[in-house]
PDB file of N, CA and C in Angstrom:
ATOM      1  N   MET A   1     189.592  12.087 -18.914  1.00  0.00           N
ATOM      2  CA  MET A   1     188.754  13.242 -19.169  1.00  0.00           C
ATOM      3  C   MET A   1     189.376  14.510 -18.559  1.00  0.00           C
ATOM      4  N   ARG A   2     189.988  14.336 -17.398  1.00  0.00           N
ATOM      5  CA  ARG A   2     190.586  15.481 -16.710  1.00  0.00           C
ATOM      6  C   ARG A   2     191.788  15.999 -17.491  1.00  0.00           C
ATOM      7  N   LYS A   3     192.610  15.119 -18.025  1.00  0.00           N
ATOM      8  CA  LYS A   3     193.774  15.518 -18.804  1.00  0.00           C
ATOM      9  C   LYS A   3     193.371  16.215 -20.093  1.00  0.00           C
ATOM     10  N   THR A   4     192.335  15.683 -20.729  1.00  0.00           N
ATOM     11  CA  THR A   4     191.881  16.282 -21.982  1.00  0.00           C
ATOM     12  C   THR A   4     191.340  17.703 -21.705  1.00  0.00           C
ATOM     13  N   THR A   5     190.571  17.861 -20.643  1.00  0.00           N
ATOM     14  CA  THR A   5     190.075  19.176 -20.288  1.00  0.00           C
ATOM     15  C   THR A   5     191.211  20.131 -19.984  1.00  0.00           C
ATOM     16  N   GLY A   6     192.220  19.614 -19.285  1.00  0.00           N
ATOM     17  CA  GLY A   6     193.405  20.428 -18.968  1.00  0.00           C
ATOM     18  C   GLY A   6     194.124  20.925 -20.220  1.00  0.00           C
ATOM     19  N   TRP A   7     194.354  19.996 -21.166  1.00  0.00           N
ATOM     20  CA  TRP A   7     195.064  20.420 -22.366  1.00  0.00           C
ATOM     21  C   TRP A   7     194.232  21.361 -23.236  1.00  0.00           C
ATOM     22  N   LEU A   8     192.920  21.189 -23.216  1.00  0.00           N
ATOM     23  CA  LEU A   8     192.089  22.095 -23.964  1.00  0.00           C
ATOM     24  C   LEU A   8     192.087  23.506 -23.364  1.00  0.00           C
ATOM     25  N   LEU A   9     192.156  23.570 -22.030  1.00  0.00           N
ATOM     26  CA  LEU A   9     192.311  24.890 -21.362  1.00  0.00           C
ATOM     27  C   LEU A   9     193.662  25.501 -21.687  1.00  0.00           C
ATOM     28  N   VAL A  10     194.708  24.728 -21.773  1.00  0.00           N
ATOM     29  CA  VAL A  10     196.013  25.260 -22.119  1.00  0.00           C
ATOM     30  C   VAL A  10     195.976  25.828 -23.537  1.00  0.00           C
ATOM     31  N   VAL A  11     195.436  25.097 -24.467  1.00  0.00           N
ATOM     32  CA  VAL A  11     195.374  25.566 -25.817  1.00  0.00           C
ATOM     33  C   VAL A  11     194.519  26.823 -25.930  1.00  0.00           C
ATOM     34  N   LEU A  12     193.379  26.828 -25.259  1.00  0.00           N
ATOM     35  CA  LEU A  12     192.496  27.978 -25.255  1.00  0.00           C
ATOM     36  C   LEU A  12     193.194  29.211 -24.666  1.00  0.00           C
ATOM     37  N   GLY A  13     193.926  29.033 -23.582  1.00  0.00           N
ATOM     38  CA  GLY A  13     194.635  30.138 -22.941  1.00  0.00           C
ATOM     39  C   GLY A  13     195.730  30.691 -23.810  1.00  0.00           C
ATOM     40  N   VAL A  14     196.488  29.800 -24.473  1.00  0.00           N
ATOM     41  CA  VAL A  14     197.585  30.247 -25.353  1.00  0.00           C
ATOM     42  C   VAL A  14     197.018  30.991 -26.584  1.00  0.00           C
ATOM     43  N   LEU A  15     195.960  30.482 -27.147  1.00  0.00           N
ATOM     44  CA  LEU A  15     195.328  31.184 -28.294  1.00  0.00           C
ATOM     45  C   LEU A  15     194.757  32.554 -27.899  1.00  0.00           C
ATOM     46  N   TRP A  16     194.201  32.613 -26.679  1.00  0.00           N
ATOM     47  CA  TRP A  16     193.632  33.850 -26.196  1.00  0.00           C
ATOM     48  C   TRP A  16     194.751  34.905 -25.997  1.00  0.00           C
ATOM     49  N   VAL A  17     195.882  34.465 -25.406  1.00  0.00           N
ATOM     50  CA  VAL A  17     196.991  35.367 -25.229  1.00  0.00           C
ATOM     51  C   VAL A  17     197.509  35.851 -26.588  1.00  0.00           C
ATOM     52  N   ALA A  18     197.612  34.948 -27.551  1.00  0.00           N
ATOM     53  CA  ALA A  18     198.092  35.307 -28.883  1.00  0.00           C
ATOM     54  C   ALA A  18     197.185  36.331 -29.533  1.00  0.00           C
ATOM     55  N   ILE A  19     195.887  36.146 -29.410  1.00  0.00           N
ATOM     56  CA  ILE A  19     194.905  37.063 -29.991  1.00  0.00           C
ATOM     57  C   ILE A  19     195.037  38.469 -29.320  1.00  0.00           C
ATOM     58  N   VAL A  20     195.188  38.471 -28.004  1.00  0.00           N
ATOM     59  CA  VAL A  20     195.337  39.747 -27.317  1.00  0.00           C
ATOM     60  C   VAL A  20     196.587  40.470 -27.742  1.00  0.00           C
ATOM     61  N   LEU A  21     197.668  39.689 -27.872  1.00  0.00           N
ATOM     62  CA  LEU A  21     198.971  40.349 -28.243  1.00  0.00           C
ATOM     63  C   LEU A  21     198.921  40.842 -29.701  1.00  0.00           C
ATOM     64  N   ILE A  22     198.247  40.172 -30.539  1.00  0.00           N
ATOM     65  CA  ILE A  22     198.158  40.580 -31.960  1.00  0.00           C
ATOM     66  C   ILE A  22     197.315  41.838 -32.078  1.00  0.00           C
ATOM     67  N   GLN A  23     196.223  41.921 -31.319  1.00  0.00           N
ATOM     68  CA  GLN A  23     195.304  43.029 -31.432  1.00  0.00           C
ATOM     69  C   GLN A  23     195.672  44.225 -30.550  1.00  0.00           C
ATOM     70  N   ALA A  24     196.743  44.126 -29.778  1.00  0.00           N
ATOM     71  CA  ALA A  24     197.109  45.195 -28.871  1.00  0.00           C
ATOM     72  C   ALA A  24     197.611  46.391 -29.648  1.00  0.00           C
ATOM     73  N   PRO A  25     197.079  47.570 -29.327  1.00  0.00           N
ATOM     74  CA  PRO A  25     197.545  48.782 -29.999  1.00  0.00           C
ATOM     75  C   PRO A  25     198.955  49.166 -29.441  1.00  0.00           C
ATOM     76  N   PRO A  26     199.722  49.894 -30.225  1.00  0.00           N
ATOM     77  CA  PRO A  26     201.042  50.300 -29.683  1.00  0.00           C
ATOM     78  C   PRO A  26     200.866  51.215 -28.516  1.00  0.00           C
ATOM     79  N   SER A  27     201.791  51.154 -27.561  1.00  0.00           N
ATOM     80  CA  SER A  27     201.636  52.002 -26.378  1.00  0.00           C
ATOM     81  C   SER A  27     201.938  53.468 -26.754  1.00  0.00           C
ATOM     82  N   GLY A  28     201.193  54.317 -26.117  1.00  0.00           N
ATOM     83  CA  GLY A  28     201.341  55.749 -26.413  1.00  0.00           C
ATOM     84  C   GLY A  28     202.445  56.348 -25.576  1.00  0.00           C
ATOM     85  N   PRO A  29     202.533  57.677 -25.662  1.00  0.00           N
ATOM     86  CA  PRO A  29     203.573  58.380 -24.899  1.00  0.00           C
ATOM     87  C   PRO A  29     203.350  58.311 -23.381  1.00  0.00           C
ATOM     88  N   ASP A  30     202.130  58.070 -22.928  1.00  0.00           N
ATOM     89  CA  ASP A  30     201.885  58.005 -21.516  1.00  0.00           C
ATOM     90  C   ASP A  30     202.308  56.694 -20.880  1.00  0.00           C
ATOM     91  N   GLY A  31     202.607  55.669 -21.700  1.00  0.00           N
ATOM     92  CA  GLY A  31     203.090  54.374 -21.183  1.00  0.00           C
ATOM     93  C   GLY A  31     202.013  53.482 -20.595  1.00  0.00           C
ATOM     94  N   LEU A  32     200.735  53.798 -20.763  1.00  0.00           N
ATOM     95  CA  LEU A  32     199.710  52.981 -20.210  1.00  0.00           C
ATOM     96  C   LEU A  32     199.448  51.716 -21.003  1.00  0.00           C
ATOM     97  N   GLY A  33     200.038  51.577 -22.190  1.00  0.00           N
ATOM     98  CA  GLY A  33     199.797  50.401 -22.997  1.00  0.00           C
ATOM     99  C   GLY A  33     200.305  49.183 -22.365  1.00  0.00           C
ATOM    100  N   VAL A  34     201.452  49.223 -21.681  1.00  0.00           N
ATOM    101  CA  VAL A  34     202.007  48.026 -21.087  1.00  0.00           C
ATOM    102  C   VAL A  34     201.139  47.538 -19.935  1.00  0.00           C
ATOM    103  N   SER A  35     200.651  48.414 -19.102  1.00  0.00           N
ATOM    104  CA  SER A  35     199.867  47.973 -17.962  1.00  0.00           C
ATOM    105  C   SER A  35     198.484  47.455 -18.454  1.00  0.00           C
ATOM    106  N   ARG A  36     197.960  48.035 -19.490  1.00  0.00           N
ATOM    107  CA  ARG A  36     196.698  47.513 -20.036  1.00  0.00           C
ATOM    108  C   ARG A  36     196.909  46.129 -20.645  1.00  0.00           C
ATOM    109  N   LEU A  37     198.045  45.975 -21.301  1.00  0.00           N
ATOM    110  CA  LEU A  37     198.351  44.679 -21.891  1.00  0.00           C
ATOM    111  C   LEU A  37     198.536  43.608 -20.837  1.00  0.00           C
ATOM    112  N   LEU A  38     199.247  43.947 -19.777  1.00  0.00           N
ATOM    113  CA  LEU A  38     199.403  42.998 -18.688  1.00  0.00           C
ATOM    114  C   LEU A  38     198.051  42.631 -18.067  1.00  0.00           C
ATOM    115  N   GLY A  39     197.206  43.589 -17.918  1.00  0.00           N
ATOM    116  CA  GLY A  39     195.877  43.342 -17.393  1.00  0.00           C
ATOM    117  C   GLY A  39     195.041  42.462 -18.340  1.00  0.00           C
ATOM    118  N   ALA A  40     195.232  42.638 -19.621  1.00  0.00           N
ATOM    119  CA  ALA A  40     194.456  41.878 -20.561  1.00  0.00           C
ATOM    120  C   ALA A  40     194.910  40.437 -20.700  1.00  0.00           C
ATOM    121  N   ILE A  41     196.184  40.141 -20.430  1.00  0.00           N
ATOM    122  CA  ILE A  41     196.661  38.773 -20.564  1.00  0.00           C
ATOM    123  C   ILE A  41     196.692  37.991 -19.239  1.00  0.00           C
ATOM    124  N   THR A  42     196.312  38.638 -18.156  1.00  0.00           N
ATOM    125  CA  THR A  42     196.356  37.968 -16.841  1.00  0.00           C
ATOM    126  C   THR A  42     195.391  36.782 -16.810  1.00  0.00           C
ATOM    127  N   LEU A  43     194.163  37.010 -17.204  1.00  0.00           N
ATOM    128  CA  LEU A  43     193.152  35.959 -17.144  1.00  0.00           C
ATOM    129  C   LEU A  43     193.484  34.741 -18.068  1.00  0.00           C
ATOM    130  N   PRO A  44     193.894  34.969 -19.320  1.00  0.00           N
ATOM    131  CA  PRO A  44     194.240  33.826 -20.140  1.00  0.00           C
ATOM    132  C   PRO A  44     195.459  33.041 -19.623  1.00  0.00           C
ATOM    133  N   VAL A  45     196.416  33.755 -19.028  1.00  0.00           N
ATOM    134  CA  VAL A  45     197.587  33.044 -18.458  1.00  0.00           C
ATOM    135  C   VAL A  45     197.144  32.212 -17.276  1.00  0.00           C
ATOM    136  N   LEU A  46     196.305  32.714 -16.445  1.00  0.00           N
ATOM    137  CA  LEU A  46     195.766  31.928 -15.310  1.00  0.00           C
ATOM    138  C   LEU A  46     194.966  30.714 -15.788  1.00  0.00           C
ATOM    139  N   LEU A  47     194.220  30.905 -16.849  1.00  0.00           N
ATOM    140  CA  LEU A  47     193.460  29.802 -17.435  1.00  0.00           C
ATOM    141  C   LEU A  47     194.412  28.671 -17.954  1.00  0.00           C
ATOM    142  N   ALA A  48     195.483  29.113 -18.576  1.00  0.00           N
ATOM    143  CA  ALA A  48     196.458  28.126 -19.110  1.00  0.00           C
ATOM    144  C   ALA A  48     197.146  27.416 -17.916  1.00  0.00           C
ATOM    145  N   LEU A  49     197.447  28.118 -16.858  1.00  0.00           N
ATOM    146  CA  LEU A  49     198.031  27.506 -15.668  1.00  0.00           C
ATOM    147  C   LEU A  49     197.123  26.494 -15.024  1.00  0.00           C
ATOM    148  N   VAL A  50     195.830  26.798 -14.928  1.00  0.00           N
ATOM    149  CA  VAL A  50     194.858  25.859 -14.407  1.00  0.00           C
ATOM    150  C   VAL A  50     194.815  24.610 -15.329  1.00  0.00           C
ATOM    151  N   GLY A  51     194.857  24.849 -16.625  1.00  0.00           N
ATOM    152  CA  GLY A  51     194.895  23.739 -17.555  1.00  0.00           C
ATOM    153  C   GLY A  51     196.114  22.871 -17.377  1.00  0.00           C
ATOM    154  N   LEU A  52     197.274  23.476 -17.147  1.00  0.00           N
ATOM    155  CA  LEU A  52     198.491  22.664 -16.886  1.00  0.00           C
ATOM    156  C   LEU A  52     198.353  21.874 -15.611  1.00  0.00           C
ATOM    157  N   TYR A  53     197.713  22.433 -14.593  1.00  0.00           N
ATOM    158  CA  TYR A  53     197.503  21.700 -13.330  1.00  0.00           C
ATOM    159  C   TYR A  53     196.573  20.543 -13.573  1.00  0.00           C
ATOM    160  N   LEU A  54     195.483  20.781 -14.308  1.00  0.00           N
ATOM    161  CA  LEU A  54     194.545  19.661 -14.578  1.00  0.00           C
ATOM    162  C   LEU A  54     195.146  18.584 -15.436  1.00  0.00           C
ATOM    163  N   ALA A  55     196.067  18.974 -16.321  1.00  0.00           N
ATOM    164  CA  ALA A  55     196.722  18.000 -17.181  1.00  0.00           C
ATOM    165  C   ALA A  55     197.762  17.194 -16.422  1.00  0.00           C
ATOM    166  N   GLY A  56     198.114  17.654 -15.234  1.00  0.00           N
ATOM    167  CA  GLY A  56     199.104  16.920 -14.426  1.00  0.00           C
ATOM    168  C   GLY A  56     200.535  17.357 -14.641  1.00  0.00           C
ATOM    169  N   VAL A  57     200.767  18.421 -15.370  1.00  0.00           N
ATOM    170  CA  VAL A  57     202.103  18.865 -15.669  1.00  0.00           C
ATOM    171  C   VAL A  57     202.710  19.548 -14.443  1.00  0.00           C
ATOM    172  N   ILE A  58     201.971  20.393 -13.750  1.00  0.00           N
ATOM    173  CA  ILE A  58     202.503  21.200 -12.671  1.00  0.00           C
ATOM    174  C   ILE A  58     202.711  20.335 -11.433  1.00  0.00           C
ATOM    175  N   LYS A  59     201.781  19.499 -11.033  1.00  0.00           N
ATOM    176  CA  LYS A  59     201.955  18.791  -9.789  1.00  0.00           C
ATOM    177  C   LYS A  59     202.958  17.651  -9.890  1.00  0.00           C
ATOM    178  N   ASN A  60     203.250  17.202 -11.097  1.00  0.00           N
ATOM    179  CA  ASN A  60     204.290  16.158 -11.277  1.00  0.00           C
ATOM    180  C   ASN A  60     205.678  16.712 -11.466  1.00  0.00           C
ATOM    181  N   ALA A  61     205.815  17.980 -11.687  1.00  0.00           N
ATOM    182  CA  ALA A  61     207.143  18.577 -11.867  1.00  0.00           C
ATOM    183  C   ALA A  61     207.780  18.835 -10.530  1.00  0.00           C
ATOM    184  N   LYS A  62     208.920  18.226 -10.304  1.00  0.00           N
ATOM    185  CA  LYS A  62     209.613  18.377  -9.002  1.00  0.00           C
ATOM    186  C   LYS A  62     211.053  18.666  -9.221  1.00  0.00           C
TER     187      LYS A  62
END
């Protein structure tokens, strides 16, 4: 059950990042687009990392 939950979190995180990247507006002349984009993908990336940990990929990699 733990591995299944982990892989579901990984898939959800990757899909969330893809959706954010697709819907991101082009950055303007002020350059704030990049920082907003990084802020928008931080949570889904962390979610995917937690999923990898729960799936056992991170703690078994040495």
